[in-house]
Amino acid sequence: MALSPSDATGPRSTDTRYYDGRSAAAHAATLRWSDAFLAIDGAAGELALWPRARLIVGEPDPQGRVVLSCKGEPGRVSTEAAALPGQMTAPRMQRRQYLGWMAVGAVALVLALVLVERLPAVGAALVPRSVENQLGEMVEVVVVGKHNVCRGGEGQRALEQLEARLAHAAGIAQPVRLVVIDSKVVNAVTLPGARMVVMRGLIEQVGSADQLAGVMAHETGHIARRDPLVALFRGAGIGVISATVGINLGFADVSSLAGRLVSLSYSRDMERLADANGVAYLQASGLRSDGLAGFFARTDKRGGNAGAAVEFLSDHPRTIDREKQNQGSPLGESALTAQQWAAVRTMCGKQ
């Protein structure tokens, strides 16, 4: 049965040789493909007609040639791989291509994961300081809420002076706004725009001014790296970028954004880095740097009752580990004088 011109895709002009299986002679041939058959033509006419469903395609050799055979037929064809229709690929070639695409996909996935991991920090770095300051102002309103702001003059000045030393050591250009609120929660939080909120519960929980300074130095580490913004981008997703930029344009729901930030926590790596940097800031300021470890030890000794209220530690690495990793040094001056510490302790009218 011969193929008519209308049945075939046309001859492929390549270096193709046909072996009939009865002798070692090679016959110059051309291949004509149809949907159902492969016709092998020689100089004197059709040499063979093979059903495509029974074709076997071998692996290409280093010169890019492949061998075709047909189940139940003695002959074989040697031709260039380029002469085959696109779908006529050796199974192992298909597998290699599949594995190749899998490898490409795996690399793309790894790159995507790296990008997702780093994108929050990149996004935070792109936010203008003016926008960050506006966001911080809104978040502060949410954090303070109905709590009274403690305005003890001498205590406030003492904390501001201490924080100014820490911020200078951290290389923070703008002044850090520090607010003490009358809340029993044992915590201190950093907000966008170089803002720190210290709660009465923390002041009452720490055993000394140096322990409070250790916590403040830790929070200063978050401010220096703009961690509040990074946490916002990580927790709220990329969609927050447009909302954040929208602050400048006047159409973003900043209050909703602020509430979302308040509920976020830092990653353990961010916390560990803030611990280490905090100790370094204290040392660079000429202050005792063992206060943070002392605070962790004090909290551990107080056990369950104290621990339940210590929100500062709720999402952080274990205190015993942090104490070991951030011992600091007792060398250096105390963070506050006895008079200043007494003023801080009574800022909220309680002692």
Protein backbone atom coordinates (compact mmCIF):
# COMPACT_ATOMS: atom_id res chain seq x y z
CA MET A 1 0.00 0.00 0.00
CA ALA A 2 1.52 3.30 -1.07
CA LEU A 3 0.71 6.69 0.41
CA SER A 4 -0.69 9.30 -1.88
CA PRO A 5 0.79 12.79 -1.70
CA SER A 6 -2.30 13.97 0.13
CA ASP A 7 -1.76 11.38 2.87
CA ALA A 8 1.84 12.26 3.70
CA THR A 9 3.59 15.23 5.24
CA GLY A 10 6.17 15.12 2.45
CA PRO A 11 9.61 13.58 2.22
CA ARG A 12 12.31 14.64 4.66
CA SER A 13 15.54 15.40 2.81
CA THR A 14 18.10 14.10 5.32
CA ASP A 15 20.91 11.56 5.50
CA THR A 16 18.65 8.55 6.00
CA ARG A 17 19.60 4.92 5.42
CA TYR A 18 17.34 1.87 5.35
CA TYR A 19 18.47 -1.66 6.22
CA ASP A 20 16.03 -4.40 5.18
CA GLY A 21 17.30 -6.92 7.75
CA ARG A 22 18.10 -9.55 5.12
CA SER A 23 21.49 -8.15 4.13
CA ALA A 24 24.03 -5.63 5.39
CA ALA A 25 23.38 -3.34 2.47
CA ALA A 26 22.30 0.22 3.24
CA HIS A 27 19.75 1.89 1.01
CA ALA A 28 19.51 5.67 0.70
CA ALA A 29 16.00 6.58 1.73
CA THR A 30 13.60 9.38 2.43
CA LEU A 31 10.86 9.36 5.03
CA ARG A 32 7.24 10.35 4.50
CA TRP A 33 5.03 10.69 7.55
CA SER A 34 1.26 10.53 7.82
CA ASP A 35 -0.94 10.37 10.87
CA ALA A 36 -0.97 6.55 10.76
CA PHE A 37 2.08 5.43 8.78
CA LEU A 38 5.74 6.00 8.05
CA ALA A 39 6.62 5.39 4.39
CA ILE A 40 10.27 4.65 3.60
CA ASP A 41 11.09 5.45 -0.04
CA GLY A 42 14.17 4.40 -1.99
CA ALA A 43 15.41 5.34 -5.45
CA ALA A 44 13.22 2.68 -7.09
CA GLY A 45 10.10 3.31 -5.02
CA GLU A 46 8.65 2.45 -1.65
CA LEU A 47 10.89 0.21 0.47
CA ALA A 48 8.64 -0.25 3.49
CA LEU A 49 5.46 1.00 5.10
CA TRP A 50 5.36 0.92 8.89
CA PRO A 51 2.37 1.71 11.15
CA ARG A 52 3.34 4.54 13.43
CA ALA A 53 1.69 2.79 16.37
CA ARG A 54 4.34 0.04 16.16
CA LEU A 55 7.39 2.26 15.73
CA ILE A 56 10.28 2.02 18.18
CA VAL A 57 12.57 5.04 18.49
CA GLY A 58 16.08 4.51 19.85
CA GLU A 59 18.30 6.87 21.80
CA PRO A 60 20.26 9.45 19.77
CA ASP A 61 23.98 8.78 19.41
CA PRO A 62 26.60 11.52 19.96
CA GLN A 63 26.18 12.62 16.33
CA GLY A 64 22.45 13.13 16.82
CA ARG A 65 21.34 10.08 14.83
CA VAL A 66 18.58 7.68 15.88
CA VAL A 67 17.50 4.20 14.80
CA LEU A 68 13.87 3.48 13.98
CA SER A 69 12.38 0.00 13.89
CA CYS A 70 8.93 -1.50 13.69
CA LYS A 71 7.57 -4.31 15.82
CA GLY A 72 7.22 -7.43 13.68
CA GLU A 73 9.38 -6.08 10.85
CA PRO A 74 13.03 -7.06 10.19
CA GLY A 75 14.27 -3.75 8.86
CA ARG A 76 15.53 -0.62 10.53
CA VAL A 77 16.16 3.01 9.61
CA SER A 78 19.10 5.18 10.62
CA THR A 79 18.35 8.88 10.36
CA GLU A 80 18.92 12.24 11.97
CA ALA A 81 16.90 12.97 15.11
CA ALA A 82 15.97 16.30 13.54
CA ALA A 83 14.13 14.39 10.82
CA LEU A 84 11.56 13.04 13.28
CA PRO A 85 8.24 14.77 13.88
CA GLY A 86 8.10 16.57 17.19
CA GLN A 87 6.05 13.88 18.91
CA MET A 88 8.35 11.05 17.75
CA THR A 89 10.78 11.26 20.67
CA ALA A 90 12.61 8.41 22.35
CA PRO A 91 11.06 7.53 25.73
CA ARG A 92 14.34 8.17 27.54
CA MET A 93 14.65 11.49 25.73
CA GLN A 94 11.17 12.36 26.95
CA ARG A 95 12.16 11.35 30.46
CA ARG A 96 15.30 13.51 30.31
CA GLN A 97 13.24 16.44 29.07
CA TYR A 98 10.73 15.84 31.87
CA LEU A 99 13.50 15.65 34.46
CA GLY A 100 15.03 18.76 32.95
CA TRP A 101 11.80 20.67 33.40
CA MET A 102 11.50 19.28 36.93
CA ALA A 103 14.97 20.62 37.69
CA VAL A 104 14.04 24.01 36.27
CA GLY A 105 10.87 23.97 38.36
CA ALA A 106 12.78 23.04 41.51
CA VAL A 107 15.24 25.89 40.98
CA ALA A 108 12.36 28.28 40.36
CA LEU A 109 10.67 27.10 43.56
CA VAL A 110 13.82 27.64 45.61
CA LEU A 111 14.27 31.10 44.13
CA ALA A 112 10.62 31.88 44.87
CA LEU A 113 11.01 30.77 48.49
CA VAL A 114 14.14 32.90 48.88
CA LEU A 115 12.30 35.83 47.33
CA VAL A 116 9.31 35.38 49.62
CA GLU A 117 11.63 35.18 52.62
CA ARG A 118 13.51 38.34 51.70
CA LEU A 119 10.67 40.29 50.19
CA PRO A 120 9.36 41.68 53.51
CA ALA A 121 12.74 43.28 54.28
CA VAL A 122 12.99 44.61 50.74
CA GLY A 123 9.46 46.01 50.92
CA ALA A 124 10.14 47.67 54.27
CA ALA A 125 13.28 49.32 52.91
CA LEU A 126 11.24 50.88 50.10
CA VAL A 127 8.78 52.61 52.43
CA PRO A 128 9.68 56.32 52.80
CA ARG A 129 10.45 57.46 56.33
CA SER A 130 7.66 60.02 56.15
CA VAL A 131 5.14 57.27 55.39
CA GLU A 132 6.55 55.07 58.14
CA ASN A 133 6.22 57.93 60.62
CA GLN A 134 2.57 58.46 59.71
CA LEU A 135 1.89 54.76 60.11
CA GLY A 136 3.67 54.72 63.47
CA GLU A 137 1.52 57.57 64.72
CA MET A 138 -1.63 55.65 63.84
CA VAL A 139 -0.35 52.42 65.38
CA GLU A 140 0.54 54.23 68.60
CA VAL A 141 -3.06 55.33 68.97
CA VAL A 142 -4.16 51.70 68.63
CA VAL A 143 -1.56 50.42 71.12
CA VAL A 144 -2.22 53.07 73.74
CA GLY A 145 -5.96 52.66 73.36
CA LYS A 146 -7.77 53.54 76.59
CA HIS A 147 -4.65 53.29 78.74
CA ASN A 148 -3.41 56.40 80.47
CA VAL A 149 -0.04 57.75 79.38
CA CYS A 150 2.28 58.05 82.39
CA ARG A 151 3.80 61.52 82.34
CA GLY A 152 6.13 61.58 85.33
CA GLY A 153 8.49 64.35 84.28
CA GLU A 154 11.75 63.18 85.87
CA GLY A 155 11.16 59.52 85.03
CA GLN A 156 10.24 60.34 81.44
CA ARG A 157 13.38 62.43 80.98
CA ALA A 158 15.53 59.67 82.45
CA LEU A 159 14.14 57.07 80.04
CA GLU A 160 14.44 59.42 77.07
CA GLN A 161 18.08 60.13 77.91
CA LEU A 162 18.79 56.41 78.26
CA GLU A 163 17.09 55.62 74.97
CA ALA A 164 18.98 58.44 73.23
CA ARG A 165 22.28 56.78 74.23
CA LEU A 166 21.10 53.40 72.95
CA ALA A 167 19.78 54.87 69.70
CA HIS A 168 23.07 56.67 69.11
CA ALA A 169 24.95 53.39 69.58
CA ALA A 170 22.54 51.73 67.13
CA GLY A 171 23.03 54.43 64.51
CA ILE A 172 19.37 55.48 64.51
CA ALA A 173 19.21 58.90 62.91
CA GLN A 174 15.84 60.18 64.07
CA PRO A 175 14.90 60.63 67.75
CA VAL A 176 13.10 57.66 69.26
CA ARG A 177 9.71 58.56 70.69
CA LEU A 178 9.24 56.73 74.01
CA VAL A 179 5.88 56.45 75.76
CA VAL A 180 5.07 54.74 79.07
CA ILE A 181 1.47 53.58 79.49
CA ASP A 182 -0.43 52.44 82.57
CA SER A 183 -0.93 48.79 81.61
CA LYS A 184 -0.26 45.76 83.81
CA VAL A 185 0.97 43.78 80.80
CA VAL A 186 4.67 42.95 81.11
CA ASN A 187 5.82 44.17 77.72
CA ALA A 188 7.52 46.79 75.61
CA VAL A 189 6.79 47.14 71.91
CA THR A 190 8.37 48.94 69.00
CA LEU A 191 6.30 50.64 66.33
CA PRO A 192 7.05 51.99 62.86
CA GLY A 193 8.69 55.40 62.78
CA ALA A 194 11.15 54.86 65.68
CA ARG A 195 8.54 54.57 68.43
CA MET A 196 8.68 52.53 71.62
CA VAL A 197 5.88 51.89 74.10
CA VAL A 198 6.89 50.66 77.57
CA MET A 199 4.17 49.29 79.85
CA ARG A 200 3.94 49.73 83.60
CA GLY A 201 3.86 45.96 84.08
CA LEU A 202 7.36 45.68 82.66
CA ILE A 203 8.75 48.41 84.93
CA GLU A 204 7.26 46.60 87.92
CA GLN A 205 8.51 43.18 86.76
CA VAL A 206 12.18 44.02 86.19
CA GLY A 207 14.54 43.82 89.14
CA SER A 208 16.64 46.87 88.34
CA ALA A 209 17.17 49.78 86.00
CA ASP A 210 19.80 47.73 84.17
CA GLN A 211 17.27 44.99 83.44
CA LEU A 212 14.87 47.58 82.04
CA ALA A 213 17.74 49.00 79.99
CA GLY A 214 18.40 45.50 78.63
CA VAL A 215 14.81 45.21 77.41
CA MET A 216 14.92 48.73 75.95
CA ALA A 217 18.19 47.90 74.16
CA HIS A 218 16.52 44.80 72.70
CA GLU A 219 13.63 46.91 71.41
CA THR A 220 16.12 49.45 70.05
CA GLY A 221 17.54 46.60 67.99
CA HIS A 222 14.12 46.16 66.38
CA ILE A 223 13.91 49.88 65.62
CA ALA A 224 17.37 49.95 64.04
CA ARG A 225 16.43 47.19 61.58
CA ARG A 226 12.89 48.52 60.96
CA ASP A 227 11.55 45.19 62.19
CA PRO A 228 8.01 46.51 62.81
CA LEU A 229 7.64 47.20 59.09
CA VAL A 230 9.27 43.90 58.14
CA ALA A 231 6.85 42.03 60.41
CA LEU A 232 3.96 43.91 58.85
CA PHE A 233 4.99 42.96 55.33
CA ARG A 234 5.57 39.34 56.32
CA GLY A 235 2.31 38.96 58.20
CA ALA A 236 0.00 41.01 56.03
CA GLY A 237 1.38 40.03 52.62
CA ILE A 238 2.40 41.99 49.57
CA GLY A 239 -1.00 43.64 49.34
CA VAL A 240 0.00 45.78 52.29
CA ILE A 241 2.53 47.59 50.10
CA SER A 242 -0.14 49.42 48.15
CA ALA A 243 -2.01 50.19 51.35
CA THR A 244 1.12 51.57 52.97
CA VAL A 245 1.92 53.76 49.99
CA GLY A 246 -1.70 54.81 50.10
CA ILE A 247 -1.06 56.67 53.34
CA ASN A 248 0.61 59.39 51.33
CA LEU A 249 -2.23 59.41 48.84
CA GLY A 250 -4.88 59.61 51.51
CA PHE A 251 -7.06 56.64 50.58
CA ALA A 252 -5.67 53.68 52.57
CA ASP A 253 -7.46 52.29 55.60
CA VAL A 254 -4.57 53.03 57.91
CA SER A 255 -6.47 52.19 61.09
CA SER A 256 -7.06 48.65 59.87
CA LEU A 257 -3.42 48.39 58.88
CA ALA A 258 -2.35 49.60 62.31
CA GLY A 259 -4.53 47.07 64.08
CA ARG A 260 -3.05 44.31 61.98
CA LEU A 261 0.49 45.32 62.90
CA VAL A 262 -0.26 45.29 66.63
CA SER A 263 -1.25 41.62 66.45
CA LEU A 264 1.92 40.52 64.64
CA SER A 265 5.02 39.04 66.27
CA TYR A 266 8.66 38.92 65.26
CA SER A 267 10.39 35.79 64.00
CA ARG A 268 12.77 33.97 66.31
CA ASP A 269 15.73 35.03 64.18
CA MET A 270 14.67 38.65 64.50
CA GLU A 271 14.40 38.24 68.28
CA ARG A 272 17.80 36.61 68.62
CA LEU A 273 19.41 39.34 66.54
CA ALA A 274 17.71 42.03 68.63
CA ASP A 275 19.05 40.35 71.78
CA ALA A 276 22.62 40.29 70.48
CA ASN A 277 22.48 43.82 69.11
CA GLY A 278 20.93 45.10 72.32
CA VAL A 279 23.85 43.79 74.37
CA ALA A 280 26.24 45.41 71.88
CA TYR A 281 24.44 48.78 72.15
CA LEU A 282 24.73 48.72 75.94
CA GLN A 283 28.44 47.97 75.75
CA ALA A 284 29.00 50.67 73.13
CA SER A 285 27.21 53.13 75.43
CA GLY A 286 29.51 52.29 78.34
CA LEU A 287 26.65 50.69 80.30
CA ARG A 288 26.32 47.36 82.06
CA SER A 289 25.21 44.81 79.50
CA ASP A 290 24.08 41.96 81.74
CA GLY A 291 20.62 43.36 82.37
CA LEU A 292 18.79 41.43 79.64
CA ALA A 293 20.15 38.09 80.87
CA GLY A 294 19.24 39.14 84.40
CA PHE A 295 15.67 39.84 83.32
CA PHE A 296 15.40 36.41 81.70
CA ALA A 297 16.77 34.72 84.83
CA ARG A 298 14.38 36.67 87.05
CA THR A 299 11.41 35.69 84.91
CA ASP A 300 12.40 32.01 84.98
CA LYS A 301 12.77 32.03 88.76
CA ARG A 302 9.34 33.56 89.25
CA GLY A 303 7.82 30.65 87.35
CA GLY A 304 4.27 30.20 86.12
CA ASN A 305 2.47 33.11 87.78
CA ALA A 306 4.84 35.71 86.42
CA GLY A 307 5.37 33.93 83.13
CA ALA A 308 1.69 33.95 82.30
CA ALA A 309 1.65 37.74 82.27
CA VAL A 310 4.97 38.29 80.51
CA GLU A 311 3.79 39.07 77.01
CA PHE A 312 7.30 40.22 76.11
CA LEU A 313 8.36 36.56 76.18
CA SER A 314 5.24 34.90 74.77
CA ASP A 315 6.43 34.57 71.18
CA HIS A 316 10.16 34.71 71.86
CA PRO A 317 12.80 31.96 72.05
CA ARG A 318 13.07 30.23 75.43
CA THR A 319 14.35 32.54 78.15
CA ILE A 320 16.89 30.01 79.45
CA ASP A 321 18.50 29.84 76.00
CA ARG A 322 18.47 33.60 75.60
CA GLU A 323 20.00 34.07 79.03
CA LYS A 324 22.92 31.80 78.11
CA GLN A 325 23.44 33.45 74.73
CA ASN A 326 23.31 37.05 76.01
CA GLN A 327 25.21 37.09 79.29
CA GLY A 328 26.68 40.52 78.72
CA SER A 329 29.01 42.03 81.29
CA PRO A 330 28.58 43.69 84.72
CA LEU A 331 31.30 46.16 83.76
CA GLY A 332 30.14 49.67 82.96
CA GLU A 333 27.97 52.28 84.61
CA SER A 334 24.39 51.68 85.68
CA ALA A 335 21.72 52.71 83.23
CA LEU A 336 20.07 55.09 85.72
CA THR A 337 20.95 56.68 89.02
CA ALA A 338 19.04 55.59 92.10
CA GLN A 339 17.05 58.83 91.97
CA GLN A 340 16.20 58.38 88.29
CA TRP A 341 15.15 54.77 88.83
CA ALA A 342 12.89 55.76 91.69
CA ALA A 343 11.28 58.39 89.45
CA VAL A 344 10.71 55.83 86.70
CA ARG A 345 9.15 53.38 89.17
CA THR A 346 6.57 55.96 90.22
CA MET A 347 5.78 57.39 86.78
CA CYS A 348 2.32 55.82 86.74
CA GLY A 349 1.53 56.72 90.35
CA LYS A 350 2.19 53.17 91.60
CA GLN A 351 5.21 51.55 93.22
